Each structure stands twice: as structure tokens, then as C-alpha cells.
């Protein structure tokens, strides 16, 4: 008897929609972080299906308010990947020594300054 070939039918589940917010309002208000350049960087660097510049209709990147960027993904996109790209942008702009990326809640990342002032005061006390 010949083996029966099974038809591969991928079960399509419900569409996954994730919303991420990167809040850079604090450094943007101090005029050391360019939000529009960061938005352009994300548009150029986010990979979809292994290809850069393949966003299409699956990922929407928009600037919301002053210093906030909203990413809406209709496919699998991880927050860690966005955090990685944010760190890469900070390194490129030579801001990595002053800013860090912190997850404040699920899907929300915030750029915060390192507490350099407190460390200097502690060293003076010794």
C-alpha cells in the first residue's frame, strides 16, 4: 500500500496585533534626542520576514505627541527587538553613555537619563 500524503494546511489563527510605545519625551525636551531621526531609523532598520525595508502594511510607525513613537505591528514583533534597535540608535548618535532604555510597562519603553548627579555626590561624601 502506498503512503498517503497529507496536505499541509496551516491553521491560520487570529491576527496578532501588538502596540509598542517608545517614550523619549524627557531627552527630546532637553533637545539632545531627535525623534524624527529615530522614527526614520526604525523605518529603515526593522526587519520583516528577514528583510530590511519590508514594512508594507504589517508595521506602522508614527510619532505621537512630543517625543513618543508608536509602533503597531500586525505580525510577530518583539519588544526586545525594539529595545535593541533603540540602543543601536543611541550608540550611533553617541548618546548611549547618558541614556538608557527602560521598560515601564508591557509594550512601553522609556528613555531615561542615568543618575550621574547622585553618583558624584556620593563620591564627594567619601
N, C-alpha and C. Protein backbone atom coordinates (compact mmCIF):
# COMPACT_ATOMS: atom_id res chain seq x y z
N UNK A 1 0.82 -1.17 0.00
CA UNK A 1 0.00 0.00 0.00
C UNK A 1 0.88 1.25 0.00
N UNK A 2 0.56 2.21 -0.82
CA UNK A 2 1.33 3.44 -0.91
C UNK A 2 0.98 4.35 0.26
N UNK A 3 1.99 5.08 0.78
CA UNK A 3 1.69 6.00 1.89
C UNK A 3 0.81 7.15 1.42
N UNK A 4 -0.06 7.54 2.27
CA UNK A 4 -0.97 8.64 1.96
C UNK A 4 -0.29 9.95 2.29
N UNK A 5 -0.22 10.84 1.30
CA UNK A 5 0.42 12.13 1.51
C UNK A 5 -0.59 13.07 2.17
N UNK A 6 -0.16 13.66 3.25
CA UNK A 6 -1.04 14.60 3.95
C UNK A 6 -0.86 15.99 3.35
N UNK A 7 -1.96 16.64 3.18
CA UNK A 7 -1.90 18.02 2.69
C UNK A 7 -1.54 18.91 3.86
N UNK A 8 -0.57 19.77 3.63
CA UNK A 8 -0.17 20.68 4.70
C UNK A 8 -1.06 21.92 4.67
N UNK A 9 -1.93 21.98 5.63
CA UNK A 9 -2.78 23.16 5.74
C UNK A 9 -2.44 23.84 7.04
N UNK A 10 -1.88 24.99 6.91
CA UNK A 10 -1.52 25.75 8.12
C UNK A 10 -2.78 26.38 8.68
N UNK A 11 -3.00 26.12 9.94
CA UNK A 11 -4.16 26.71 10.59
C UNK A 11 -3.86 28.17 10.89
N UNK A 12 -4.60 29.03 10.27
CA UNK A 12 -4.38 30.45 10.49
C UNK A 12 -5.18 30.87 11.71
N UNK A 13 -4.47 31.33 12.71
CA UNK A 13 -5.12 31.80 13.92
C UNK A 13 -5.55 33.24 13.74
N UNK A 14 -6.04 33.82 14.79
CA UNK A 14 -6.42 35.24 14.69
C UNK A 14 -5.18 36.10 14.47
N UNK A 15 -5.38 37.21 13.79
CA UNK A 15 -4.24 38.10 13.54
C UNK A 15 -3.72 38.67 14.84
N UNK A 16 -2.41 38.67 14.96
CA UNK A 16 -1.78 39.21 16.15
C UNK A 16 -1.49 40.69 15.92
N UNK A 17 -2.00 41.53 16.78
CA UNK A 17 -1.72 42.96 16.69
C UNK A 17 -1.10 43.40 18.00
N UNK A 18 0.11 43.93 17.92
CA UNK A 18 0.81 44.41 19.10
C UNK A 18 1.06 45.90 18.96
N UNK A 19 1.00 46.57 20.08
CA UNK A 19 1.23 48.02 20.09
C UNK A 19 2.37 48.31 21.04
N UNK A 20 3.37 49.01 20.56
CA UNK A 20 4.52 49.40 21.36
C UNK A 20 4.64 50.91 21.35
N UNK A 21 5.08 51.46 22.47
CA UNK A 21 5.31 52.90 22.57
C UNK A 21 6.72 53.11 23.10
N UNK A 22 7.48 53.93 22.41
CA UNK A 22 8.80 54.32 22.89
C UNK A 22 8.71 55.79 23.27
N UNK A 23 8.86 56.05 24.56
CA UNK A 23 8.69 57.39 25.09
C UNK A 23 10.06 58.05 25.26
N UNK A 24 10.36 59.03 24.44
CA UNK A 24 11.63 59.75 24.52
C UNK A 24 11.37 61.22 24.81
N UNK A 25 10.29 61.51 25.53
CA UNK A 25 9.91 62.91 25.74
C UNK A 25 10.90 63.64 26.64
N UNK A 26 11.48 62.94 27.60
CA UNK A 26 12.42 63.61 28.51
C UNK A 26 13.68 64.09 27.79
N UNK A 27 14.41 63.23 27.05
CA UNK A 27 15.58 63.74 26.32
C UNK A 27 15.20 64.63 25.14
N UNK A 28 14.01 64.44 24.55
CA UNK A 28 13.59 65.29 23.43
C UNK A 28 13.31 66.71 23.91
N UNK A 29 12.78 66.84 25.14
CA UNK A 29 12.51 68.18 25.66
C UNK A 29 13.81 68.93 25.98
N UNK A 30 14.89 68.17 26.27
CA UNK A 30 16.20 68.78 26.50
C UNK A 30 16.97 69.00 25.21
N UNK A 31 16.35 68.66 24.09
CA UNK A 31 16.90 68.86 22.75
C UNK A 31 18.21 68.12 22.50
N UNK A 32 18.36 66.92 23.11
CA UNK A 32 19.53 66.11 22.80
C UNK A 32 19.16 64.87 21.99
N UNK A 33 17.86 64.64 21.82
CA UNK A 33 17.37 63.46 21.10
C UNK A 33 16.43 63.91 19.99
N UNK A 34 16.73 63.49 18.76
CA UNK A 34 15.92 63.85 17.61
C UNK A 34 14.92 62.72 17.32
N UNK A 35 13.66 62.95 17.62
CA UNK A 35 12.63 61.92 17.50
C UNK A 35 12.35 61.57 16.04
N UNK A 36 12.36 62.56 15.16
CA UNK A 36 12.09 62.29 13.75
C UNK A 36 13.21 61.45 13.12
N UNK A 37 14.45 61.68 13.54
CA UNK A 37 15.56 60.87 13.04
C UNK A 37 15.44 59.44 13.55
N UNK A 38 14.97 59.28 14.78
CA UNK A 38 14.78 57.95 15.35
C UNK A 38 13.66 57.21 14.61
N UNK A 39 12.60 57.93 14.27
CA UNK A 39 11.50 57.32 13.52
C UNK A 39 11.98 56.85 12.14
N UNK A 40 12.79 57.67 11.49
CA UNK A 40 13.36 57.31 10.18
C UNK A 40 14.28 56.09 10.32
N UNK A 41 15.08 56.07 11.40
CA UNK A 41 15.97 54.94 11.67
C UNK A 41 15.17 53.65 11.81
N UNK A 42 14.08 53.69 12.56
CA UNK A 42 13.26 52.49 12.74
C UNK A 42 12.65 52.03 11.42
N UNK A 43 12.19 52.98 10.60
CA UNK A 43 11.63 52.63 9.29
C UNK A 43 12.65 51.93 8.42
N UNK A 44 13.91 52.33 8.53
CA UNK A 44 14.96 51.74 7.69
C UNK A 44 15.47 50.42 8.24
N UNK A 45 15.44 50.21 9.55
CA UNK A 45 16.13 49.08 10.15
C UNK A 45 15.25 47.91 10.59
N UNK A 46 13.95 48.11 10.78
CA UNK A 46 13.12 47.00 11.25
C UNK A 46 13.01 45.94 10.15
N UNK A 47 13.27 44.69 10.56
CA UNK A 47 13.20 43.58 9.62
C UNK A 47 11.84 42.90 9.71
N UNK A 48 11.26 42.61 8.55
CA UNK A 48 10.04 41.83 8.46
C UNK A 48 10.34 40.66 7.54
N UNK A 49 10.14 39.45 8.05
CA UNK A 49 10.42 38.22 7.32
C UNK A 49 11.87 38.18 6.83
N UNK A 50 12.79 38.66 7.66
CA UNK A 50 14.20 38.60 7.36
C UNK A 50 14.72 39.64 6.39
N UNK A 51 13.90 40.61 6.03
CA UNK A 51 14.34 41.63 5.07
C UNK A 51 14.13 43.02 5.65
N UNK A 52 15.14 43.86 5.48
CA UNK A 52 15.07 45.24 5.93
C UNK A 52 14.28 46.05 4.91
N UNK A 53 13.49 47.00 5.39
CA UNK A 53 12.73 47.86 4.50
C UNK A 53 11.53 47.17 3.89
N UNK A 54 11.01 46.16 4.59
CA UNK A 54 9.90 45.36 4.09
C UNK A 54 8.66 45.57 4.96
N UNK A 55 8.44 46.80 5.46
CA UNK A 55 7.37 47.04 6.41
C UNK A 55 5.99 46.85 5.79
N UNK A 56 5.74 47.47 4.67
CA UNK A 56 4.46 47.34 4.00
C UNK A 56 3.30 47.75 4.89
N UNK A 57 2.26 46.93 4.91
CA UNK A 57 1.08 47.22 5.72
C UNK A 57 1.15 46.54 7.08
N UNK A 58 2.18 45.72 7.32
CA UNK A 58 2.23 44.95 8.56
C UNK A 58 2.67 45.76 9.76
N UNK A 59 3.53 46.76 9.56
CA UNK A 59 4.04 47.56 10.68
C UNK A 59 3.85 49.04 10.36
N UNK A 60 3.24 49.74 11.30
CA UNK A 60 3.04 51.18 11.17
C UNK A 60 3.83 51.88 12.26
N UNK A 61 4.64 52.85 11.87
CA UNK A 61 5.43 53.63 12.82
C UNK A 61 4.98 55.08 12.71
N UNK A 62 4.58 55.65 13.84
CA UNK A 62 4.10 57.03 13.80
C UNK A 62 4.55 57.77 15.05
N UNK A 63 4.67 59.07 14.90
CA UNK A 63 5.06 59.94 16.01
C UNK A 63 3.79 60.44 16.68
N UNK A 64 3.71 60.20 17.98
CA UNK A 64 2.51 60.59 18.73
C UNK A 64 2.94 61.60 19.78
N UNK A 65 2.37 62.79 19.72
CA UNK A 65 2.71 63.81 20.70
C UNK A 65 4.15 64.26 20.56
N UNK A 66 4.67 64.81 21.63
CA UNK A 66 6.05 65.28 21.60
C UNK A 66 6.95 64.24 22.25
N UNK A 67 7.74 63.57 21.44
CA UNK A 67 8.73 62.64 21.96
C UNK A 67 8.25 61.21 22.10
N UNK A 68 7.10 60.87 21.60
CA UNK A 68 6.61 59.49 21.69
C UNK A 68 6.48 58.91 20.29
N UNK A 69 6.93 57.67 20.15
CA UNK A 69 6.79 56.95 18.90
C UNK A 69 5.96 55.71 19.16
N UNK A 70 4.96 55.50 18.30
CA UNK A 70 4.05 54.37 18.45
C UNK A 70 4.29 53.40 17.30
N UNK A 71 4.48 52.12 17.62
CA UNK A 71 4.69 51.10 16.62
C UNK A 71 3.53 50.12 16.74
N UNK A 72 2.77 49.94 15.67
CA UNK A 72 1.68 48.98 15.66
C UNK A 72 2.06 47.89 14.66
N UNK A 73 2.16 46.66 15.17
CA UNK A 73 2.58 45.54 14.35
C UNK A 73 1.45 44.53 14.21
N UNK A 74 1.17 44.13 12.98
CA UNK A 74 0.14 43.13 12.71
C UNK A 74 0.78 41.76 12.49
N UNK A 75 2.02 41.60 12.91
CA UNK A 75 2.69 40.31 12.85
C UNK A 75 3.52 40.17 14.13
N UNK A 76 4.33 39.14 14.19
CA UNK A 76 5.15 38.93 15.38
C UNK A 76 6.31 39.93 15.39
N UNK A 77 6.32 40.77 16.39
CA UNK A 77 7.41 41.72 16.59
C UNK A 77 7.66 41.77 18.08
N UNK A 78 8.91 41.58 18.48
CA UNK A 78 9.18 41.53 19.91
C UNK A 78 9.63 42.89 20.43
N UNK A 79 9.31 43.13 21.66
CA UNK A 79 9.73 44.36 22.32
C UNK A 79 11.23 44.41 22.52
N UNK A 80 11.83 43.25 22.72
CA UNK A 80 13.29 43.19 22.89
C UNK A 80 13.99 43.65 21.62
N UNK A 81 13.41 43.36 20.47
CA UNK A 81 13.99 43.79 19.20
C UNK A 81 13.95 45.31 19.09
N UNK A 82 12.84 45.90 19.52
CA UNK A 82 12.73 47.36 19.51
C UNK A 82 13.71 47.99 20.50
N UNK A 83 13.89 47.35 21.64
CA UNK A 83 14.85 47.84 22.63
C UNK A 83 16.26 47.77 22.05
N UNK A 84 16.57 46.68 21.34
CA UNK A 84 17.87 46.51 20.70
C UNK A 84 18.11 47.61 19.67
N UNK A 85 17.11 47.89 18.83
CA UNK A 85 17.25 48.93 17.81
C UNK A 85 17.38 50.31 18.43
N UNK A 86 16.69 50.54 19.55
CA UNK A 86 16.80 51.83 20.24
C UNK A 86 18.21 52.02 20.77
N UNK A 87 18.76 50.96 21.37
CA UNK A 87 20.14 51.03 21.88
C UNK A 87 21.12 51.26 20.74
N UNK A 88 20.86 50.63 19.60
CA UNK A 88 21.73 50.80 18.43
C UNK A 88 21.71 52.25 17.94
N UNK A 89 20.52 52.86 17.95
CA UNK A 89 20.40 54.26 17.55
C UNK A 89 21.13 55.17 18.53
N UNK A 90 20.99 54.89 19.83
CA UNK A 90 21.68 55.71 20.84
C UNK A 90 23.19 55.61 20.67
N UNK A 91 23.69 54.43 20.36
CA UNK A 91 25.12 54.24 20.14
C UNK A 91 25.58 55.02 18.91
N UNK A 92 24.76 54.99 17.86
CA UNK A 92 25.09 55.70 16.62
C UNK A 92 25.16 57.20 16.85
N UNK A 93 24.27 57.74 17.68
CA UNK A 93 24.22 59.16 17.96
C UNK A 93 25.11 59.56 19.16
N UNK A 94 25.85 58.61 19.68
CA UNK A 94 26.77 58.80 20.81
C UNK A 94 26.04 59.31 22.05
N UNK A 95 24.85 58.76 22.29
CA UNK A 95 24.06 59.11 23.47
C UNK A 95 23.97 57.95 24.46
N UNK A 96 24.60 56.85 24.14
CA UNK A 96 24.48 55.64 24.96
C UNK A 96 25.07 55.83 26.36
N UNK A 97 26.01 56.76 26.52
CA UNK A 97 26.62 56.99 27.83
C UNK A 97 25.70 57.75 28.77
N UNK A 98 24.69 58.43 28.23
CA UNK A 98 23.82 59.26 29.06
C UNK A 98 22.39 58.74 29.18
N UNK A 99 21.95 57.97 28.19
CA UNK A 99 20.57 57.49 28.18
C UNK A 99 20.51 55.98 28.27
N UNK A 100 19.42 55.49 28.87
CA UNK A 100 19.19 54.06 28.90
C UNK A 100 17.73 53.79 28.54
N UNK A 101 17.47 52.58 28.10
CA UNK A 101 16.12 52.19 27.68
C UNK A 101 15.54 51.31 28.79
N UNK A 102 14.40 51.74 29.34
CA UNK A 102 13.77 51.04 30.45
C UNK A 102 12.34 50.69 30.06
N UNK A 103 11.93 49.46 30.36
CA UNK A 103 10.55 49.08 30.12
C UNK A 103 9.73 49.46 31.34
N UNK A 104 8.80 50.39 31.16
CA UNK A 104 7.99 50.85 32.29
C UNK A 104 6.74 49.99 32.48
N UNK A 105 6.19 49.47 31.40
CA UNK A 105 5.08 48.53 31.47
C UNK A 105 5.11 47.70 30.19
N UNK A 106 4.17 46.78 30.06
CA UNK A 106 4.20 45.90 28.90
C UNK A 106 3.98 46.70 27.61
N UNK A 107 4.96 46.64 26.72
CA UNK A 107 4.86 47.33 25.45
C UNK A 107 5.24 48.79 25.48
N UNK A 108 5.70 49.30 26.63
CA UNK A 108 6.07 50.70 26.75
C UNK A 108 7.53 50.78 27.19
N UNK A 109 8.32 51.45 26.38
CA UNK A 109 9.74 51.65 26.69
C UNK A 109 9.99 53.14 26.84
N UNK A 110 10.85 53.48 27.79
CA UNK A 110 11.11 54.88 28.06
C UNK A 110 12.62 55.12 28.07
N UNK A 111 13.01 56.25 27.50
CA UNK A 111 14.42 56.65 27.54
C UNK A 111 14.63 57.53 28.76
N UNK A 112 15.53 57.09 29.63
CA UNK A 112 15.79 57.83 30.86
C UNK A 112 17.27 58.16 30.96
N UNK A 113 17.56 59.24 31.67
CA UNK A 113 18.95 59.62 31.91
C UNK A 113 19.52 58.76 33.03
N UNK A 114 20.81 58.47 32.95
CA UNK A 114 21.49 57.84 34.07
C UNK A 114 21.56 58.83 35.22
N UNK A 115 21.55 58.37 36.44
CA UNK A 115 21.65 59.25 37.60
C UNK A 115 23.11 59.56 37.89
N UNK A 116 23.68 60.44 37.10
CA UNK A 116 25.09 60.81 37.23
C UNK A 116 25.28 61.76 38.41
N UNK A 117 24.30 62.62 38.66
CA UNK A 117 24.40 63.62 39.72
C UNK A 117 24.51 62.96 41.08
N UNK A 118 23.70 61.95 41.33
CA UNK A 118 23.71 61.25 42.62
C UNK A 118 25.03 60.53 42.86
N UNK A 119 25.59 59.94 41.82
CA UNK A 119 26.86 59.23 41.96
C UNK A 119 27.99 60.20 42.31
N UNK A 120 27.99 61.37 41.72
CA UNK A 120 29.03 62.37 42.00
C UNK A 120 28.93 62.86 43.45
N UNK A 121 27.71 63.02 43.95
CA UNK A 121 27.54 63.48 45.34
C UNK A 121 28.00 62.41 46.32
N UNK A 122 27.76 61.14 46.02
CA UNK A 122 28.19 60.05 46.89
C UNK A 122 29.72 59.98 46.96
N UNK A 123 30.38 60.21 45.83
CA UNK A 123 31.84 60.17 45.80
C UNK A 123 32.43 61.34 46.60
N UNK A 124 31.76 62.49 46.61
CA UNK A 124 32.24 63.64 47.37
C UNK A 124 32.15 63.38 48.86
N UNK A 125 31.16 62.63 49.30
CA UNK A 125 30.98 62.37 50.71
C UNK A 125 32.07 61.48 51.28
N UNK A 126 32.66 60.64 50.48
CA UNK A 126 33.66 59.69 50.99
C UNK A 126 34.99 60.32 51.31
